[in-house]
Amino acid sequence: MSASLLLDLVNSRLVIGEQVHDELGEDAAAAAWLRVHGALGSPAEVADARAARAALVPFLRGEADASALEPWADAMRKRARVGASGLEWIDEIDPERAIGARAVGEWATLQGEQGSRIRPCAAHDCQHFLIDESRANARKWHSMETCGNRAKARRHYAKSKLAVLPGSTEE
């Protein structure tokens, strides 16, 4: 799997201390971001991207139920057309909800028997999401270099502190 609109959308706003980095914060930056993701960058698309992100982030964190995604699910339709080679299905998406509908469609493809392949990073101090491409669907961190290494270092430090405490089994 490659980078996706869904993953990029839910990772497009990060708060670090007092700083907010929001790729959709300014209208011009949001329009440019959308163009990179195959959209026109219209004001309606910018508004839709912001609204979809506001619904998707809490949903993916387990803080909202699936009804939060209904506006975009309702915007998706399939229409049949008879062509020379048989029946063809055509996607029809309300242009006012096209960005969110694409993201919700990507979310749907990431659901499987082993659970969702998109989830929040397991690091308690990280806001990123990840798409787990591993066979076992067991990836925890959005980045092994940052969050994974920090978690492993914390565990190692905690174990080493326990090992030197009086009364511990190792001395």
N, C-alpha and C. Protein backbone atom coordinates (compact mmCIF):
# COMPACT_ATOMS: atom_id res chain seq x y z
N MET A 1 0.84 -1.18 0.00
CA MET A 1 0.00 0.00 0.00
C MET A 1 0.88 1.24 0.00
N SER A 2 0.43 2.23 -0.63
CA SER A 2 1.20 3.48 -0.66
C SER A 2 0.50 4.52 0.20
N ALA A 3 1.09 5.68 0.26
CA ALA A 3 0.48 6.77 1.01
C ALA A 3 -0.94 7.00 0.48
N SER A 4 -1.81 7.36 1.36
CA SER A 4 -3.20 7.49 0.97
C SER A 4 -3.76 8.84 1.39
N LEU A 5 -4.84 9.22 0.76
CA LEU A 5 -5.54 10.43 1.15
C LEU A 5 -5.97 10.30 2.61
N LEU A 6 -6.53 9.16 2.98
CA LEU A 6 -7.01 8.96 4.35
C LEU A 6 -5.89 9.17 5.35
N LEU A 7 -4.78 8.48 5.19
CA LEU A 7 -3.68 8.59 6.14
C LEU A 7 -3.13 10.01 6.18
N ASP A 8 -2.92 10.60 5.03
CA ASP A 8 -2.41 11.97 4.99
C ASP A 8 -3.40 12.94 5.63
N LEU A 9 -4.69 12.72 5.42
CA LEU A 9 -5.71 13.60 5.97
C LEU A 9 -5.71 13.55 7.49
N VAL A 10 -5.74 12.36 8.08
CA VAL A 10 -5.80 12.27 9.54
C VAL A 10 -4.48 12.66 10.20
N ASN A 11 -3.39 12.67 9.44
CA ASN A 11 -2.10 13.12 9.97
C ASN A 11 -1.79 14.56 9.60
N SER A 12 -2.76 15.29 9.06
CA SER A 12 -2.49 16.64 8.57
C SER A 12 -2.55 17.73 9.64
N ARG A 13 -2.92 17.36 10.85
CA ARG A 13 -2.96 18.35 11.94
C ARG A 13 -2.33 17.73 13.18
N LEU A 14 -1.23 18.34 13.65
CA LEU A 14 -0.53 17.85 14.83
C LEU A 14 -0.32 19.01 15.79
N VAL A 15 -0.52 18.75 17.07
CA VAL A 15 -0.29 19.74 18.11
C VAL A 15 0.90 19.28 18.93
N ILE A 16 1.93 20.10 18.98
CA ILE A 16 3.13 19.79 19.73
C ILE A 16 3.36 20.93 20.71
N GLY A 17 3.05 20.68 21.97
CA GLY A 17 3.12 21.73 22.98
C GLY A 17 2.14 22.84 22.64
N GLU A 18 2.66 24.03 22.49
CA GLU A 18 1.84 25.19 22.14
C GLU A 18 1.69 25.36 20.63
N GLN A 19 2.48 24.61 19.87
CA GLN A 19 2.50 24.75 18.41
C GLN A 19 1.47 23.85 17.74
N VAL A 20 0.75 24.40 16.78
CA VAL A 20 -0.19 23.63 15.97
C VAL A 20 0.31 23.67 14.53
N HIS A 21 0.54 22.47 13.98
CA HIS A 21 0.94 22.36 12.57
C HIS A 21 -0.25 21.78 11.83
N ASP A 22 -0.94 22.62 11.06
CA ASP A 22 -2.16 22.21 10.38
C ASP A 22 -2.01 22.47 8.88
N GLU A 23 -1.86 21.39 8.13
CA GLU A 23 -1.68 21.53 6.68
C GLU A 23 -2.95 22.03 5.99
N LEU A 24 -4.08 21.98 6.67
CA LEU A 24 -5.34 22.48 6.11
C LEU A 24 -5.78 23.77 6.79
N GLY A 25 -4.92 24.34 7.62
CA GLY A 25 -5.28 25.52 8.41
C GLY A 25 -5.54 26.76 7.57
N GLU A 26 -4.64 27.08 6.68
CA GLU A 26 -4.80 28.24 5.81
C GLU A 26 -5.43 27.79 4.50
N ASP A 27 -6.35 28.57 3.97
CA ASP A 27 -7.08 28.17 2.76
C ASP A 27 -6.15 27.87 1.58
N ALA A 28 -5.15 28.72 1.34
CA ALA A 28 -4.25 28.51 0.20
C ALA A 28 -3.43 27.23 0.39
N ALA A 29 -2.94 27.01 1.60
CA ALA A 29 -2.16 25.79 1.88
C ALA A 29 -3.06 24.55 1.76
N ALA A 30 -4.28 24.66 2.23
CA ALA A 30 -5.22 23.53 2.13
C ALA A 30 -5.53 23.22 0.67
N ALA A 31 -5.73 24.25 -0.14
CA ALA A 31 -6.00 24.04 -1.57
C ALA A 31 -4.82 23.36 -2.25
N ALA A 32 -3.60 23.78 -1.92
CA ALA A 32 -2.40 23.16 -2.49
C ALA A 32 -2.29 21.71 -2.04
N TRP A 33 -2.57 21.45 -0.76
CA TRP A 33 -2.53 20.09 -0.22
C TRP A 33 -3.51 19.20 -0.98
N LEU A 34 -4.70 19.70 -1.23
CA LEU A 34 -5.72 18.94 -1.96
C LEU A 34 -5.30 18.67 -3.40
N ARG A 35 -4.68 19.64 -4.05
CA ARG A 35 -4.22 19.43 -5.42
C ARG A 35 -3.19 18.31 -5.47
N VAL A 36 -2.30 18.24 -4.49
CA VAL A 36 -1.31 17.16 -4.42
C VAL A 36 -2.03 15.81 -4.30
N HIS A 37 -3.20 15.81 -3.70
CA HIS A 37 -3.97 14.58 -3.48
C HIS A 37 -5.03 14.36 -4.56
N GLY A 38 -4.87 14.99 -5.71
CA GLY A 38 -5.72 14.71 -6.85
C GLY A 38 -7.02 15.46 -6.92
N ALA A 39 -7.18 16.47 -6.10
CA ALA A 39 -8.41 17.27 -6.12
C ALA A 39 -8.12 18.62 -6.78
N LEU A 40 -9.15 19.42 -6.91
CA LEU A 40 -8.99 20.74 -7.52
C LEU A 40 -8.54 21.79 -6.52
N GLY A 41 -8.85 21.57 -5.25
CA GLY A 41 -8.50 22.56 -4.23
C GLY A 41 -9.54 23.65 -4.09
N SER A 42 -10.76 23.36 -4.47
CA SER A 42 -11.83 24.36 -4.39
C SER A 42 -12.21 24.63 -2.93
N PRO A 43 -12.87 25.77 -2.68
CA PRO A 43 -13.31 26.05 -1.31
C PRO A 43 -14.23 24.96 -0.74
N ALA A 44 -15.08 24.37 -1.58
CA ALA A 44 -15.95 23.29 -1.10
C ALA A 44 -15.13 22.07 -0.71
N GLU A 45 -14.08 21.75 -1.47
CA GLU A 45 -13.21 20.62 -1.13
C GLU A 45 -12.43 20.89 0.15
N VAL A 46 -11.98 22.12 0.33
CA VAL A 46 -11.26 22.48 1.55
C VAL A 46 -12.18 22.28 2.75
N ALA A 47 -13.40 22.79 2.65
CA ALA A 47 -14.36 22.65 3.75
C ALA A 47 -14.66 21.17 4.02
N ASP A 48 -14.81 20.39 2.97
CA ASP A 48 -15.09 18.97 3.12
C ASP A 48 -13.92 18.23 3.76
N ALA A 49 -12.71 18.55 3.35
CA ALA A 49 -11.53 17.90 3.93
C ALA A 49 -11.44 18.20 5.42
N ARG A 50 -11.67 19.43 5.80
CA ARG A 50 -11.62 19.80 7.22
C ARG A 50 -12.71 19.07 8.01
N ALA A 51 -13.92 19.03 7.46
CA ALA A 51 -15.03 18.36 8.15
C ALA A 51 -14.78 16.85 8.25
N ALA A 52 -14.29 16.25 7.18
CA ALA A 52 -14.01 14.81 7.20
C ALA A 52 -12.93 14.49 8.22
N ARG A 53 -11.88 15.30 8.26
CA ARG A 53 -10.82 15.07 9.25
C ARG A 53 -11.37 15.18 10.66
N ALA A 54 -12.22 16.17 10.90
CA ALA A 54 -12.81 16.37 12.23
C ALA A 54 -13.67 15.18 12.65
N ALA A 55 -14.24 14.46 11.70
CA ALA A 55 -15.03 13.27 12.01
C ALA A 55 -14.16 12.02 12.09
N LEU A 56 -13.20 11.89 11.19
CA LEU A 56 -12.38 10.68 11.12
C LEU A 56 -11.43 10.51 12.31
N VAL A 57 -10.80 11.58 12.75
CA VAL A 57 -9.81 11.45 13.82
C VAL A 57 -10.43 10.87 15.09
N PRO A 58 -11.51 11.44 15.61
CA PRO A 58 -12.08 10.82 16.82
C PRO A 58 -12.66 9.42 16.56
N PHE A 59 -13.19 9.20 15.37
CA PHE A 59 -13.69 7.87 15.04
C PHE A 59 -12.56 6.84 15.08
N LEU A 60 -11.44 7.14 14.44
CA LEU A 60 -10.32 6.20 14.40
C LEU A 60 -9.67 6.01 15.78
N ARG A 61 -9.83 6.98 16.66
CA ARG A 61 -9.31 6.85 18.02
C ARG A 61 -10.30 6.13 18.94
N GLY A 62 -11.46 5.76 18.42
CA GLY A 62 -12.46 5.08 19.23
C GLY A 62 -13.27 6.01 20.11
N GLU A 63 -13.25 7.30 19.81
CA GLU A 63 -13.96 8.31 20.60
C GLU A 63 -15.30 8.69 20.00
N ALA A 64 -15.64 8.15 18.84
CA ALA A 64 -16.91 8.41 18.15
C ALA A 64 -17.31 7.13 17.42
N ASP A 65 -18.60 6.96 17.21
CA ASP A 65 -19.03 5.75 16.50
C ASP A 65 -19.12 6.00 14.99
N ALA A 66 -19.42 4.95 14.27
CA ALA A 66 -19.40 5.00 12.80
C ALA A 66 -20.42 5.98 12.23
N SER A 67 -21.41 6.36 12.99
CA SER A 67 -22.40 7.32 12.48
C SER A 67 -21.73 8.65 12.12
N ALA A 68 -20.55 8.92 12.67
CA ALA A 68 -19.83 10.15 12.33
C ALA A 68 -19.46 10.20 10.86
N LEU A 69 -19.38 9.03 10.22
CA LEU A 69 -18.98 8.96 8.81
C LEU A 69 -20.17 8.96 7.85
N GLU A 70 -21.38 8.96 8.37
CA GLU A 70 -22.58 8.89 7.53
C GLU A 70 -22.68 9.97 6.46
N PRO A 71 -22.34 11.23 6.74
CA PRO A 71 -22.47 12.24 5.68
C PRO A 71 -21.71 11.87 4.41
N TRP A 72 -20.58 11.19 4.56
CA TRP A 72 -19.78 10.81 3.39
C TRP A 72 -20.25 9.50 2.79
N ALA A 73 -20.70 8.58 3.62
CA ALA A 73 -21.27 7.34 3.09
C ALA A 73 -22.53 7.65 2.28
N ASP A 74 -23.34 8.58 2.77
CA ASP A 74 -24.56 8.97 2.06
C ASP A 74 -24.26 9.66 0.74
N ALA A 75 -23.08 10.20 0.59
CA ALA A 75 -22.72 10.93 -0.63
C ALA A 75 -22.25 10.00 -1.75
N MET A 76 -22.11 8.70 -1.46
CA MET A 76 -21.59 7.75 -2.45
C MET A 76 -22.73 6.93 -3.05
N ARG A 77 -22.74 6.85 -4.35
CA ARG A 77 -23.74 6.06 -5.08
C ARG A 77 -23.06 5.30 -6.21
N LYS A 78 -23.63 4.18 -6.57
CA LYS A 78 -23.20 3.44 -7.76
C LYS A 78 -24.39 3.40 -8.71
N ARG A 79 -24.11 3.63 -9.97
CA ARG A 79 -25.16 3.61 -10.98
C ARG A 79 -24.76 2.63 -12.06
N ALA A 80 -25.72 1.85 -12.50
CA ALA A 80 -25.45 0.87 -13.55
C ALA A 80 -25.66 1.50 -14.92
N ARG A 81 -24.80 1.08 -15.87
CA ARG A 81 -24.92 1.52 -17.25
C ARG A 81 -24.62 0.32 -18.13
N VAL A 82 -25.43 0.14 -19.17
CA VAL A 82 -25.21 -0.96 -20.09
C VAL A 82 -24.30 -0.47 -21.20
N GLY A 83 -23.20 -1.20 -21.37
CA GLY A 83 -22.25 -0.86 -22.41
C GLY A 83 -22.09 -2.04 -23.36
N ALA A 84 -21.24 -1.89 -24.35
CA ALA A 84 -21.01 -2.93 -25.35
C ALA A 84 -20.49 -4.22 -24.72
N SER A 85 -19.74 -4.09 -23.61
CA SER A 85 -19.17 -5.28 -22.96
C SER A 85 -20.02 -5.77 -21.79
N GLY A 86 -21.17 -5.20 -21.58
CA GLY A 86 -22.05 -5.65 -20.50
C GLY A 86 -22.38 -4.52 -19.55
N LEU A 87 -22.71 -4.89 -18.35
CA LEU A 87 -23.09 -3.93 -17.32
C LEU A 87 -21.85 -3.30 -16.70
N GLU A 88 -21.84 -1.99 -16.59
CA GLU A 88 -20.74 -1.27 -15.97
C GLU A 88 -21.30 -0.50 -14.78
N TRP A 89 -20.53 -0.44 -13.71
CA TRP A 89 -20.93 0.32 -12.53
C TRP A 89 -20.12 1.61 -12.48
N ILE A 90 -20.80 2.70 -12.29
CA ILE A 90 -20.19 4.02 -12.27
C ILE A 90 -20.37 4.62 -10.88
N ASP A 91 -19.26 5.07 -10.30
CA ASP A 91 -19.33 5.75 -9.00
C ASP A 91 -19.85 7.16 -9.21
N GLU A 92 -20.81 7.54 -8.43
CA GLU A 92 -21.30 8.92 -8.42
C GLU A 92 -21.16 9.44 -7.00
N ILE A 93 -20.39 10.48 -6.84
CA ILE A 93 -20.14 11.04 -5.52
C ILE A 93 -20.52 12.51 -5.55
N ASP A 94 -21.28 12.93 -4.55
CA ASP A 94 -21.64 14.33 -4.40
C ASP A 94 -20.36 15.15 -4.32
N PRO A 95 -20.15 16.09 -5.24
CA PRO A 95 -18.89 16.85 -5.26
C PRO A 95 -18.63 17.63 -3.97
N GLU A 96 -19.68 17.97 -3.23
CA GLU A 96 -19.51 18.70 -1.97
C GLU A 96 -18.91 17.80 -0.88
N ARG A 97 -18.96 16.49 -1.09
CA ARG A 97 -18.46 15.52 -0.10
C ARG A 97 -17.41 14.58 -0.69
N ALA A 98 -16.83 14.94 -1.83
CA ALA A 98 -15.95 14.02 -2.55
C ALA A 98 -14.68 13.67 -1.79
N ILE A 99 -14.07 14.61 -1.11
CA ILE A 99 -12.83 14.35 -0.38
C ILE A 99 -13.10 13.39 0.77
N GLY A 100 -14.08 13.70 1.57
CA GLY A 100 -14.44 12.82 2.69
C GLY A 100 -14.89 11.46 2.21
N ALA A 101 -15.63 11.41 1.11
CA ALA A 101 -16.09 10.12 0.57
C ALA A 101 -14.91 9.27 0.13
N ARG A 102 -13.91 9.89 -0.50
CA ARG A 102 -12.70 9.13 -0.88
C ARG A 102 -12.01 8.58 0.36
N ALA A 103 -11.89 9.40 1.40
CA ALA A 103 -11.23 8.96 2.63
C ALA A 103 -12.01 7.84 3.31
N VAL A 104 -13.32 7.97 3.38
CA VAL A 104 -14.16 6.92 3.98
C VAL A 104 -14.09 5.65 3.14
N GLY A 105 -14.05 5.79 1.83
CA GLY A 105 -13.89 4.63 0.96
C GLY A 105 -12.56 3.92 1.22
N GLU A 106 -11.49 4.69 1.41
CA GLU A 106 -10.20 4.08 1.74
C GLU A 106 -10.26 3.38 3.09
N TRP A 107 -10.92 4.02 4.08
CA TRP A 107 -11.08 3.39 5.39
C TRP A 107 -11.77 2.04 5.24
N ALA A 108 -12.81 1.98 4.43
CA ALA A 108 -13.57 0.73 4.26
C ALA A 108 -12.69 -0.39 3.69
N THR A 109 -11.77 -0.03 2.79
CA THR A 109 -10.90 -1.06 2.21
C THR A 109 -9.86 -1.56 3.20
N LEU A 110 -9.65 -0.85 4.29
CA LEU A 110 -8.65 -1.22 5.30
C LEU A 110 -9.23 -2.06 6.44
N GLN A 111 -10.51 -2.43 6.32
CA GLN A 111 -11.14 -3.27 7.35
C GLN A 111 -11.03 -4.72 6.91
N GLY A 112 -10.73 -5.59 7.86
CA GLY A 112 -10.58 -7.00 7.51
C GLY A 112 -10.85 -7.90 8.69
N GLU A 113 -10.63 -9.17 8.49
CA GLU A 113 -10.88 -10.17 9.52
C GLU A 113 -10.02 -9.93 10.76
N GLN A 114 -8.81 -9.42 10.57
CA GLN A 114 -7.91 -9.17 11.70
C GLN A 114 -8.11 -7.78 12.31
N GLY A 115 -9.13 -7.09 11.89
CA GLY A 115 -9.39 -5.74 12.39
C GLY A 115 -8.96 -4.69 11.39
N SER A 116 -8.99 -3.47 11.83
CA SER A 116 -8.66 -2.35 10.97
C SER A 116 -7.15 -2.27 10.75
N ARG A 117 -6.77 -1.93 9.53
CA ARG A 117 -5.35 -1.75 9.21
C ARG A 117 -4.92 -0.31 9.45
N ILE A 118 -5.86 0.59 9.74
CA ILE A 118 -5.49 1.96 10.09
C ILE A 118 -5.83 2.16 11.56
N ARG A 119 -4.86 2.72 12.29
CA ARG A 119 -5.06 2.94 13.72
C ARG A 119 -4.10 4.00 14.22
N PRO A 120 -4.38 4.51 15.43
CA PRO A 120 -3.46 5.48 16.02
C PRO A 120 -2.15 4.81 16.42
N CYS A 121 -1.08 5.57 16.40
CA CYS A 121 0.21 5.10 16.90
C CYS A 121 0.03 4.75 18.37
N ALA A 122 0.68 3.67 18.82
CA ALA A 122 0.53 3.20 20.19
C ALA A 122 1.30 4.05 21.21
N ALA A 123 2.18 4.91 20.75
CA ALA A 123 2.92 5.77 21.68
C ALA A 123 1.94 6.77 22.31
N HIS A 124 1.95 6.82 23.63
CA HIS A 124 0.97 7.67 24.34
C HIS A 124 1.12 9.16 24.02
N ASP A 125 2.28 9.58 23.59
CA ASP A 125 2.51 10.99 23.31
C ASP A 125 2.54 11.32 21.82
N CYS A 126 2.02 10.41 21.00
CA CYS A 126 2.03 10.61 19.54
C CYS A 126 0.61 10.76 19.02
N GLN A 127 0.42 11.63 18.05
CA GLN A 127 -0.89 11.87 17.45
C GLN A 127 -1.04 11.23 16.07
N HIS A 128 0.02 10.66 15.54
CA HIS A 128 -0.01 10.09 14.19
C HIS A 128 -0.86 8.83 14.12
N PHE A 129 -1.31 8.56 12.91
CA PHE A 129 -1.98 7.31 12.58
C PHE A 129 -1.06 6.53 11.66
N LEU A 130 -1.30 5.24 11.54
CA LEU A 130 -0.51 4.40 10.66
C LEU A 130 -1.42 3.44 9.91
N ILE A 131 -0.96 2.99 8.77
CA ILE A 131 -1.62 1.89 8.05
C ILE A 131 -0.69 0.70 8.19
N ASP A 132 -1.19 -0.34 8.83
CA ASP A 132 -0.40 -1.54 9.09
C ASP A 132 -0.41 -2.43 7.87
N GLU A 133 0.74 -2.59 7.26
CA GLU A 133 0.88 -3.43 6.07
C GLU A 133 1.49 -4.78 6.40
N SER A 134 1.72 -5.05 7.69
CA SER A 134 2.34 -6.32 8.08
C SER A 134 1.35 -7.47 7.92
N ARG A 135 1.88 -8.63 7.70
CA ARG A 135 1.05 -9.82 7.52
C ARG A 135 0.19 -10.09 8.75
N ALA A 136 0.77 -9.92 9.94
CA ALA A 136 0.06 -10.21 11.18
C ALA A 136 -0.83 -9.06 11.65
N ASN A 137 -0.78 -7.93 10.98
CA ASN A 137 -1.55 -6.75 11.38
C ASN A 137 -1.24 -6.39 12.84
N ALA A 138 0.05 -6.37 13.18
CA ALA A 138 0.46 -6.16 14.57
C ALA A 138 1.35 -4.94 14.76
N ARG A 139 1.52 -4.13 13.75
CA ARG A 139 2.37 -2.95 13.87
C ARG A 139 1.77 -2.01 14.91
N LYS A 140 2.64 -1.39 15.72
CA LYS A 140 2.17 -0.53 16.81
C LYS A 140 2.47 0.95 16.58
N TRP A 141 3.61 1.24 15.98
CA TRP A 141 4.07 2.62 15.92
C TRP A 141 4.06 3.14 14.49
N HIS A 142 3.77 4.42 14.36
CA HIS A 142 3.79 5.02 13.02
C HIS A 142 5.21 5.06 12.49
N SER A 143 6.19 5.13 13.40
CA SER A 143 7.60 5.18 13.00
C SER A 143 8.42 4.43 14.04
N MET A 144 9.11 3.40 13.59
CA MET A 144 9.99 2.67 14.50
C MET A 144 11.14 3.56 14.95
N GLU A 145 11.62 4.45 14.07
CA GLU A 145 12.75 5.31 14.38
C GLU A 145 12.44 6.27 15.52
N THR A 146 11.21 6.73 15.64
CA THR A 146 10.88 7.67 16.71
C THR A 146 10.10 6.96 17.82
N CYS A 147 8.86 6.70 17.60
CA CYS A 147 8.00 6.15 18.65
C CYS A 147 8.41 4.76 19.10
N GLY A 148 8.75 3.89 18.20
CA GLY A 148 9.15 2.53 18.56
C GLY A 148 10.42 2.50 19.38
N ASN A 149 11.43 3.25 18.94
CA ASN A 149 12.69 3.29 19.69
C ASN A 149 12.51 3.93 21.06
N ARG A 150 11.72 4.98 21.16
CA ARG A 150 11.47 5.61 22.46
C ARG A 150 10.78 4.64 23.41
N ALA A 151 9.79 3.90 22.93
CA ALA A 151 9.07 2.93 23.78
C ALA A 151 10.03 1.83 24.24
N LYS A 152 10.84 1.34 23.35
CA LYS A 152 11.79 0.28 23.73
C LYS A 152 12.84 0.82 24.70
N ALA A 153 13.29 2.03 24.51
CA ALA A 153 14.26 2.63 25.44
C ALA A 153 13.64 2.81 26.82
N ARG A 154 12.37 3.25 26.89
CA ARG A 154 11.70 3.40 28.18
C ARG A 154 11.58 2.06 28.90
N ARG A 155 11.21 1.00 28.16
CA ARG A 155 11.11 -0.33 28.76
C ARG A 155 12.47 -0.80 29.28
N HIS A 156 13.51 -0.59 28.49
CA HIS A 156 14.86 -1.00 28.90
C HIS A 156 15.28 -0.23 30.16
N TYR A 157 15.03 1.06 30.19
CA TYR A 157 15.39 1.87 31.35
C TYR A 157 14.63 1.39 32.59
N ALA A 158 13.34 1.13 32.45
CA ALA A 158 12.55 0.65 33.58
C ALA A 158 13.08 -0.69 34.10
N LYS A 159 13.43 -1.60 33.20
CA LYS A 159 13.99 -2.91 33.61
C LYS A 159 15.32 -2.73 34.31
N SER A 160 16.17 -1.83 33.80
CA SER A 160 17.49 -1.64 34.40
C SER A 160 17.36 -0.99 35.78
N LYS A 161 16.39 -0.12 35.98
CA LYS A 161 16.16 0.49 37.29
C LYS A 161 15.71 -0.57 38.29
N LEU A 162 14.83 -1.49 37.86
CA LEU A 162 14.37 -2.56 38.73
C LEU A 162 15.52 -3.49 39.11
N ALA A 163 16.43 -3.71 38.21
CA ALA A 163 17.53 -4.65 38.44
C ALA A 163 18.50 -4.14 39.50
N VAL A 164 18.60 -2.85 39.73
CA VAL A 164 19.55 -2.33 40.71
C VAL A 164 18.90 -1.94 42.03
N LEU A 165 17.60 -2.12 42.16
CA LEU A 165 16.91 -1.81 43.42
C LEU A 165 17.31 -2.83 44.49
N PRO A 166 17.46 -2.39 45.75
CA PRO A 166 17.77 -3.34 46.82
C PRO A 166 16.69 -4.43 46.90
N GLY A 167 17.15 -5.64 47.10
CA GLY A 167 16.22 -6.76 47.20
C GLY A 167 15.85 -7.35 45.86
N SER A 168 16.38 -6.79 44.78
CA SER A 168 16.09 -7.37 43.47
C SER A 168 16.89 -8.65 43.29
N THR A 169 16.51 -9.46 42.37
CA THR A 169 17.17 -10.74 42.17
C THR A 169 18.53 -10.60 41.52
N GLU A 170 18.80 -9.49 40.86
CA GLU A 170 20.10 -9.28 40.22
C GLU A 170 20.89 -8.26 41.00
N GLU A 171 22.09 -8.61 41.41
CA GLU A 171 22.95 -7.65 42.10
C GLU A 171 24.37 -7.82 41.66
